[in-house]
């Protein structure tokens, strides 16, 4: 009788153990903290190393609970930093693969970098939030990158900069919902993304002369619900900057396409090429503006082109939803395509025309 009872009890215990083993890991919130139970992150510049079984994470938002040996998981939401005192610029060294569900940079300017570092995101959409007034840098001329297969969603009004020596390793969709996603450096790129959606945020592509031909975004399709694409190139003699991005679909809001630096000599030029441009539906409220500092977009030095575009017939415009100018907020001239598919301002002189026909 006892043997039978033990048999049933053991079977039950085994079943419960198997069930427990199949349960997903519980999510946890961890806050970067270098000073144990003392409130805050340790200082205004809490630099340290993010490592396996490291003691730099507190479960307390204020940092008043002791840190313990923690290896962060794909279900964990990570915050930089504990308390409110990490207001300066600080460095987080990463030399292996670490995991997180999401990252939130609450204040200060944090740089995550190191040899062979990977931040693998596992939460829905791969959320990285950079609060207003904060900044986050991943890479900083090392090969540290973002990894994972859940994509990247940029949240918060601050700027996230990817500027490593290698392109980001993550796959999936990219959404820029607020603030700026900035790509720079020798390898700062998101060429593995399947598509890009602008939901009011900005995408900035920054280059110096040695990076003139770096492909930062590839040709993945871009959907615009409003936002900004900025091509920022240092004016350097005998340098021809060139970047081709994916086809752009305008669905809502205003998209600003900006060349933010003037290439002011025949020997230095810049060309940003859109892989296509669509604005479909008679009730589509979206608009697009094209600007280039000092000159506006032109056909010689500061060029914006659209693949597959043909010359706009005389007396017509691309559409009342497309304008040009010298800076965001001052694009007040209708846009047309020239014979090579470049976007240029419409030229009007001494005409009695009072109505315009879309191309």
Protein backbone atom coordinates (compact mmCIF):
# COMPACT_ATOMS: atom_id res chain seq x y z
CA UNK A 1 0.00 0.00 0.00
CA UNK A 2 2.81 2.35 0.89
CA UNK A 3 4.66 1.45 -2.30
CA UNK A 4 1.57 2.24 -4.37
CA UNK A 5 1.15 5.59 -2.59
CA UNK A 6 4.81 6.44 -3.21
CA UNK A 7 4.46 5.47 -6.83
CA UNK A 8 1.56 7.89 -7.32
CA UNK A 9 3.26 10.65 -5.32
CA UNK A 10 6.51 10.29 -7.24
CA UNK A 11 4.63 10.35 -10.54
CA UNK A 12 2.83 13.53 -9.48
CA UNK A 13 6.08 15.17 -8.40
CA UNK A 14 7.69 14.21 -11.71
CA UNK A 15 4.78 15.68 -13.69
CA UNK A 16 4.91 18.92 -11.73
CA UNK A 17 8.67 19.17 -12.27
CA UNK A 18 8.26 18.64 -16.00
CA UNK A 19 5.50 21.27 -16.13
CA UNK A 20 7.64 23.76 -14.20
CA UNK A 21 10.55 23.18 -16.58
CA UNK A 22 8.41 24.14 -19.57
CA UNK A 23 7.24 27.44 -18.09
CA UNK A 24 8.78 30.58 -19.64
CA UNK A 25 11.30 32.49 -17.56
CA UNK A 26 9.76 35.24 -15.51
CA UNK A 27 10.50 38.76 -16.68
CA UNK A 28 12.45 41.02 -14.34
CA UNK A 29 13.33 44.70 -14.24
CA UNK A 30 16.98 45.48 -13.57
CA UNK A 31 18.61 48.86 -13.07
CA UNK A 32 22.30 49.63 -13.70
CA UNK A 33 23.81 50.21 -10.25
CA UNK A 34 27.40 50.23 -9.02
CA UNK A 35 27.00 51.08 -5.33
CA UNK A 36 24.94 48.36 -3.70
CA UNK A 37 22.14 49.53 -1.41
CA UNK A 38 23.02 53.22 -1.61
CA UNK A 39 20.38 55.15 -3.54
CA UNK A 40 21.29 55.98 -7.14
CA UNK A 41 23.64 54.37 -9.63
CA UNK A 42 26.89 55.20 -7.86
CA UNK A 43 27.74 58.57 -9.37
CA UNK A 44 26.90 60.89 -12.24
CA UNK A 45 29.18 58.73 -14.42
CA UNK A 46 28.67 55.09 -13.36
CA UNK A 47 31.06 53.43 -15.82
CA UNK A 48 31.45 49.67 -15.49
CA UNK A 49 31.43 46.27 -17.19
CA UNK A 50 28.30 44.39 -18.20
CA UNK A 51 29.23 40.74 -17.79
CA UNK A 52 27.83 37.29 -17.17
CA UNK A 53 26.88 36.92 -13.48
CA UNK A 54 27.86 40.54 -12.99
CA UNK A 55 26.96 42.48 -9.86
CA UNK A 56 25.94 45.71 -11.61
CA UNK A 57 22.17 45.22 -11.64
CA UNK A 58 19.69 46.11 -8.92
CA UNK A 59 16.02 45.06 -8.91
CA UNK A 60 15.21 48.43 -7.32
CA UNK A 61 14.43 51.50 -9.48
CA UNK A 62 15.99 53.68 -6.80
CA UNK A 63 19.02 51.42 -6.37
CA UNK A 64 18.36 50.75 -2.68
CA UNK A 65 18.27 46.96 -2.98
CA UNK A 66 21.62 45.15 -3.01
CA UNK A 67 22.91 43.94 -6.35
CA UNK A 68 23.59 40.24 -6.79
CA UNK A 69 25.21 38.09 -9.46
CA UNK A 70 22.86 38.36 -12.47
CA UNK A 71 23.00 37.19 -16.06
CA UNK A 72 20.30 39.15 -17.83
CA UNK A 73 17.80 37.25 -19.99
CA UNK A 74 15.73 37.90 -23.11
CA UNK A 75 12.72 38.49 -20.84
CA UNK A 76 14.38 41.19 -18.71
CA UNK A 77 13.75 44.92 -19.10
CA UNK A 78 16.95 46.85 -18.40
CA UNK A 79 17.20 50.47 -17.26
CA UNK A 80 20.16 52.85 -17.30
CA UNK A 81 20.35 53.68 -14.53
CA UNK A 82 19.14 53.24 -10.94
CA UNK A 83 17.97 56.42 -9.25
CA UNK A 84 18.27 59.79 -10.96
CA UNK A 85 21.93 60.70 -10.50
CA UNK A 86 23.55 59.15 -13.63
CA UNK A 87 23.35 62.46 -15.46
CA UNK A 88 26.83 62.54 -17.01
CA UNK A 89 28.57 60.65 -19.81
CA UNK A 90 29.58 57.12 -18.87
CA UNK A 91 30.88 53.95 -20.52
CA UNK A 92 29.60 50.40 -20.26
CA UNK A 93 32.12 47.82 -21.43
CA UNK A 94 30.72 44.75 -23.18
CA UNK A 95 32.93 41.92 -24.45
CA UNK A 96 30.48 39.04 -24.83
CA UNK A 97 26.82 38.41 -25.71
CA UNK A 98 24.22 39.73 -23.28
CA UNK A 99 20.44 39.57 -23.49
CA UNK A 100 17.51 41.87 -22.74
CA UNK A 101 13.85 42.20 -23.55
CA UNK A 102 14.21 45.99 -23.82
CA UNK A 103 16.61 48.82 -22.97
CA UNK A 104 15.64 52.17 -21.46
CA UNK A 105 18.10 55.07 -21.11
CA UNK A 106 16.56 57.41 -18.56
CA UNK A 107 19.15 60.17 -18.21
CA UNK A 108 22.76 61.01 -18.99
CA UNK A 109 24.74 59.77 -21.98
CA UNK A 110 25.57 56.06 -21.94
CA UNK A 111 27.97 54.36 -24.35
CA UNK A 112 27.97 50.57 -24.70
CA UNK A 113 31.08 49.32 -26.48
CA UNK A 114 33.80 46.69 -26.48
CA UNK A 115 35.36 43.85 -28.40
CA UNK A 116 32.88 41.20 -29.64
CA UNK A 117 29.99 42.69 -27.70
CA UNK A 118 26.41 41.83 -28.68
CA UNK A 119 23.20 43.10 -27.08
CA UNK A 120 20.56 40.54 -28.11
CA UNK A 121 17.01 41.85 -27.86
CA UNK A 122 14.18 39.39 -27.28
CA UNK A 123 11.09 41.42 -26.41
CA UNK A 124 8.35 42.25 -28.90
CA UNK A 125 9.68 44.72 -31.44
CA UNK A 126 13.10 45.05 -29.79
CA UNK A 127 12.30 48.24 -27.89
CA UNK A 128 15.02 50.77 -27.07
CA UNK A 129 13.81 53.92 -25.31
CA UNK A 130 15.99 57.01 -24.99
CA UNK A 131 14.30 59.67 -22.90
CA UNK A 132 14.27 63.34 -23.73
CA UNK A 133 17.61 64.85 -22.71
CA UNK A 134 19.33 61.47 -22.64
CA UNK A 135 21.57 59.86 -25.24
CA UNK A 136 22.64 56.30 -25.97
CA UNK A 137 25.53 55.11 -28.12
CA UNK A 138 26.10 51.50 -29.11
CA UNK A 139 29.36 50.65 -30.83
CA UNK A 140 31.60 53.73 -30.48
CA UNK A 141 34.14 52.50 -33.05
CA UNK A 142 34.19 48.97 -31.64
CA UNK A 143 32.43 45.88 -33.00
CA UNK A 144 29.67 45.89 -30.37
CA UNK A 145 26.28 45.61 -32.10
CA UNK A 146 22.58 44.96 -31.53
CA UNK A 147 21.49 41.38 -32.24
CA UNK A 148 18.30 39.35 -32.18
CA UNK A 149 15.47 38.48 -34.56
CA UNK A 150 12.69 40.71 -33.17
CA UNK A 151 13.65 43.91 -34.95
CA UNK A 152 14.23 47.32 -33.40
CA UNK A 153 11.72 49.90 -32.17
CA UNK A 154 13.13 53.31 -31.25
CA UNK A 155 11.07 55.07 -28.57
CA UNK A 156 11.61 58.27 -26.59
CA UNK A 157 12.60 61.77 -27.68
CA UNK A 158 16.36 61.23 -27.26
CA UNK A 159 18.92 59.99 -29.79
CA UNK A 160 20.14 56.41 -30.20
CA UNK A 161 23.42 56.29 -32.14
CA UNK A 162 24.76 53.12 -33.75
CA UNK A 163 28.38 53.83 -34.71
CA UNK A 164 30.37 50.63 -34.44
CA UNK A 165 32.79 49.08 -36.90
CA UNK A 166 30.24 46.44 -37.92
CA UNK A 167 26.65 46.69 -39.15
CA UNK A 168 24.00 45.80 -36.60
CA UNK A 169 23.29 42.08 -36.49
CA UNK A 170 19.58 42.23 -35.71
CA UNK A 171 16.93 41.13 -38.19
CA UNK A 172 13.26 41.98 -38.48
CA UNK A 173 11.45 45.29 -38.86
CA UNK A 174 12.70 48.69 -37.74
CA UNK A 175 10.26 51.29 -36.38
CA UNK A 176 11.29 54.82 -35.42
CA UNK A 177 8.42 56.10 -33.29
CA UNK A 178 10.09 59.07 -31.61
CA UNK A 179 13.41 60.83 -31.33
CA UNK A 180 16.27 59.93 -33.67
CA UNK A 181 18.02 56.78 -34.79
CA UNK A 182 21.47 57.95 -35.92
CA UNK A 183 23.84 55.83 -37.99
CA UNK A 184 27.49 56.82 -38.31
CA UNK A 185 31.05 55.55 -38.11
CA UNK A 186 32.77 52.96 -40.25
CA UNK A 187 30.04 50.35 -39.83
CA UNK A 188 26.99 52.02 -38.30
CA UNK A 189 24.26 50.43 -40.42
CA UNK A 190 20.98 48.51 -40.23
CA UNK A 191 21.24 46.69 -43.56
CA UNK A 192 19.82 43.47 -42.08
CA UNK A 193 16.41 44.99 -41.37
CA UNK A 194 13.44 43.77 -43.40
CA UNK A 195 11.69 47.15 -43.56
CA UNK A 196 11.67 50.59 -41.94
CA UNK A 197 8.65 52.51 -40.67
CA UNK A 198 8.80 56.15 -39.63
CA UNK A 199 6.12 57.00 -37.08
CA UNK A 200 7.17 60.56 -36.34
CA UNK A 201 10.82 59.83 -35.54
CA UNK A 202 13.95 60.63 -37.49
CA UNK A 203 16.62 58.60 -39.27
CA UNK A 204 20.00 60.35 -39.61
CA UNK A 205 22.83 59.06 -41.81
CA UNK A 206 26.12 60.81 -40.94
CA UNK A 207 29.38 60.48 -42.86
CA UNK A 208 32.87 61.87 -43.11
CA UNK A 209 34.97 61.62 -46.26
CA UNK A 210 36.29 58.10 -45.51
CA UNK A 211 32.68 56.85 -45.18
CA UNK A 212 31.36 58.40 -48.39
CA UNK A 213 30.30 55.05 -49.85
CA UNK A 214 29.10 53.29 -46.67
CA UNK A 215 25.68 51.65 -47.17
CA UNK A 216 23.81 52.44 -43.97
CA UNK A 217 20.24 51.24 -44.55
CA UNK A 218 20.23 48.99 -47.61
CA UNK A 219 17.21 48.92 -49.88
CA UNK A 220 14.52 47.73 -47.46
CA UNK A 221 11.14 49.38 -48.10
CA UNK A 222 10.35 52.50 -46.07
CA UNK A 223 6.84 53.44 -44.93
CA UNK A 224 6.35 57.01 -43.79
CA UNK A 225 3.73 58.08 -41.29
CA UNK A 226 5.65 61.30 -40.82
CA UNK A 227 9.24 61.91 -39.77
CA UNK A 228 12.62 62.94 -41.12
CA UNK A 229 15.42 61.33 -43.12
CA UNK A 230 18.60 63.39 -42.80
CA UNK A 231 21.72 62.86 -44.91
CA UNK A 232 24.54 64.64 -43.05
CA UNK A 233 27.92 64.70 -44.80
CA UNK A 234 30.99 66.71 -43.89
CA UNK A 235 31.87 69.04 -46.78
CA UNK A 236 35.21 67.73 -48.07
CA UNK A 237 36.94 68.46 -51.37
CA UNK A 238 37.09 65.66 -53.94
CA UNK A 239 34.49 63.59 -52.09
CA UNK A 240 31.36 62.18 -53.71
CA UNK A 241 28.91 60.98 -51.06
CA UNK A 242 26.26 58.51 -52.22
CA UNK A 243 23.53 56.54 -50.45
CA UNK A 244 20.58 54.61 -51.91
CA UNK A 245 17.71 53.83 -49.56
CA UNK A 246 14.60 51.75 -50.18
CA UNK A 247 11.43 52.75 -51.94
CA UNK A 248 9.42 55.21 -49.86
CA UNK A 249 5.64 54.87 -49.45
CA UNK A 250 3.92 57.98 -48.12
CA UNK A 251 0.88 57.01 -46.05
CA UNK A 252 0.31 59.85 -43.53
CA UNK A 253 2.03 62.84 -41.97
CA UNK A 254 4.88 64.87 -43.43
CA UNK A 255 8.20 63.31 -44.39
CA UNK A 256 11.18 65.67 -44.52
CA UNK A 257 14.12 64.53 -46.66
CA UNK A 258 17.06 66.72 -45.69
CA UNK A 259 20.61 67.27 -46.95
CA UNK A 260 21.88 69.10 -43.88
CA UNK A 261 25.33 70.20 -45.11
CA UNK A 262 26.10 72.14 -48.28
CA UNK A 263 28.58 70.48 -50.65
CA UNK A 264 29.76 73.72 -52.16
CA UNK A 265 32.28 72.84 -54.83
CA UNK A 266 32.27 70.83 -58.03
CA UNK A 267 34.74 68.36 -56.51
CA UNK A 268 32.54 67.49 -53.53
CA UNK A 269 28.99 66.28 -54.10
CA UNK A 270 26.28 64.28 -52.37
CA UNK A 271 23.50 62.16 -53.80
CA UNK A 272 20.71 60.60 -51.76
CA UNK A 273 18.65 58.25 -53.92
CA UNK A 274 15.21 56.97 -52.97
CA UNK A 275 14.54 53.54 -54.47
CA UNK A 276 11.07 54.76 -55.43
CA UNK A 277 8.37 57.12 -54.20
CA UNK A 278 4.63 56.43 -53.98
CA UNK A 279 1.68 58.53 -52.83
CA UNK A 280 -1.47 56.56 -53.52
CA UNK A 281 -5.13 57.34 -52.98
CA UNK A 282 -7.02 60.56 -53.58
CA UNK A 283 -7.62 61.02 -49.85
CA UNK A 284 -4.00 60.37 -48.86
CA UNK A 285 -3.07 63.25 -46.50
CA UNK A 286 0.68 62.69 -46.55
CA UNK A 287 3.28 65.14 -47.85
CA UNK A 288 7.00 65.13 -48.54
CA UNK A 289 9.54 67.94 -48.48
CA UNK A 290 13.00 67.91 -50.03
CA UNK A 291 15.60 70.35 -48.70
CA UNK A 292 19.31 71.01 -49.12
CA UNK A 293 21.15 73.61 -47.08
CA UNK A 294 21.92 76.87 -48.92
CA UNK A 295 21.09 75.71 -52.46
CA UNK A 296 18.01 73.56 -52.18
CA UNK A 297 18.16 70.24 -54.04
CA UNK A 298 19.90 70.69 -57.38
CA UNK A 299 21.43 68.72 -60.26
CA UNK A 300 25.11 69.36 -59.56
CA UNK A 301 26.21 69.27 -55.92
CA UNK A 302 23.34 68.61 -53.50
CA UNK A 303 21.26 65.97 -55.21
CA UNK A 304 18.16 63.98 -54.27
CA UNK A 305 17.00 61.45 -56.85
CA UNK A 306 14.21 58.90 -57.20
CA UNK A 307 14.86 55.63 -59.02
CA UNK A 308 12.53 55.15 -61.97
CA UNK A 309 11.31 58.75 -62.04
CA UNK A 310 10.98 60.42 -65.43
CA UNK A 311 11.04 64.09 -66.26
CA UNK A 312 7.93 65.99 -65.12
CA UNK A 313 6.16 67.45 -68.19
CA UNK A 314 6.31 71.22 -68.57
CA UNK A 315 3.57 72.97 -66.63
CA UNK A 316 3.12 70.05 -64.24
CA UNK A 317 4.44 69.14 -60.79
CA UNK A 318 5.14 65.90 -58.98
CA UNK A 319 2.09 66.67 -56.87
CA UNK A 320 0.80 69.33 -54.50
CA UNK A 321 2.16 67.09 -51.74
CA UNK A 322 5.84 67.49 -52.78
CA UNK A 323 7.84 70.68 -52.21
CA UNK A 324 11.47 71.81 -52.07
CA UNK A 325 13.51 74.37 -50.12
CA UNK A 326 16.72 75.05 -48.25
CA UNK A 327 15.75 73.77 -44.80
CA UNK A 328 12.88 72.04 -42.96
CA UNK A 329 10.09 74.54 -42.51
CA UNK A 330 11.00 76.62 -45.55
CA UNK A 331 10.15 74.29 -48.42
CA UNK A 332 7.74 76.43 -50.41
CA UNK A 333 8.48 75.60 -54.03
CA UNK A 334 6.75 72.74 -55.79
CA UNK A 335 9.03 69.84 -56.75
CA UNK A 336 9.55 68.37 -60.21
CA UNK A 337 11.77 65.64 -61.66
CA UNK A 338 14.42 66.50 -64.21
CA UNK A 339 15.48 64.23 -67.07
CA UNK A 340 17.66 62.07 -64.82
CA UNK A 341 15.09 61.60 -62.04
CA UNK A 342 16.54 64.21 -59.72
CA UNK A 343 14.22 66.27 -57.55
CA UNK A 344 14.56 69.98 -58.30
CA UNK A 345 12.42 73.07 -57.67
CA UNK A 346 9.91 74.02 -60.30
CA UNK A 347 10.92 77.06 -62.32
CA UNK A 348 8.10 79.50 -62.98
CA UNK A 349 8.46 82.85 -64.69
CA UNK A 350 5.86 85.22 -66.09
CA UNK A 351 2.97 82.79 -66.41
CA UNK A 352 -0.75 83.38 -66.31
CA UNK A 353 -1.35 79.78 -65.23
CA UNK A 354 -3.69 79.60 -62.22
CA UNK A 355 -4.23 75.85 -61.98
CA UNK A 356 -1.71 73.02 -62.01
CA UNK A 357 -2.01 69.43 -63.15
CA UNK A 358 -0.34 66.60 -61.27
CA UNK A 359 2.22 64.56 -63.18
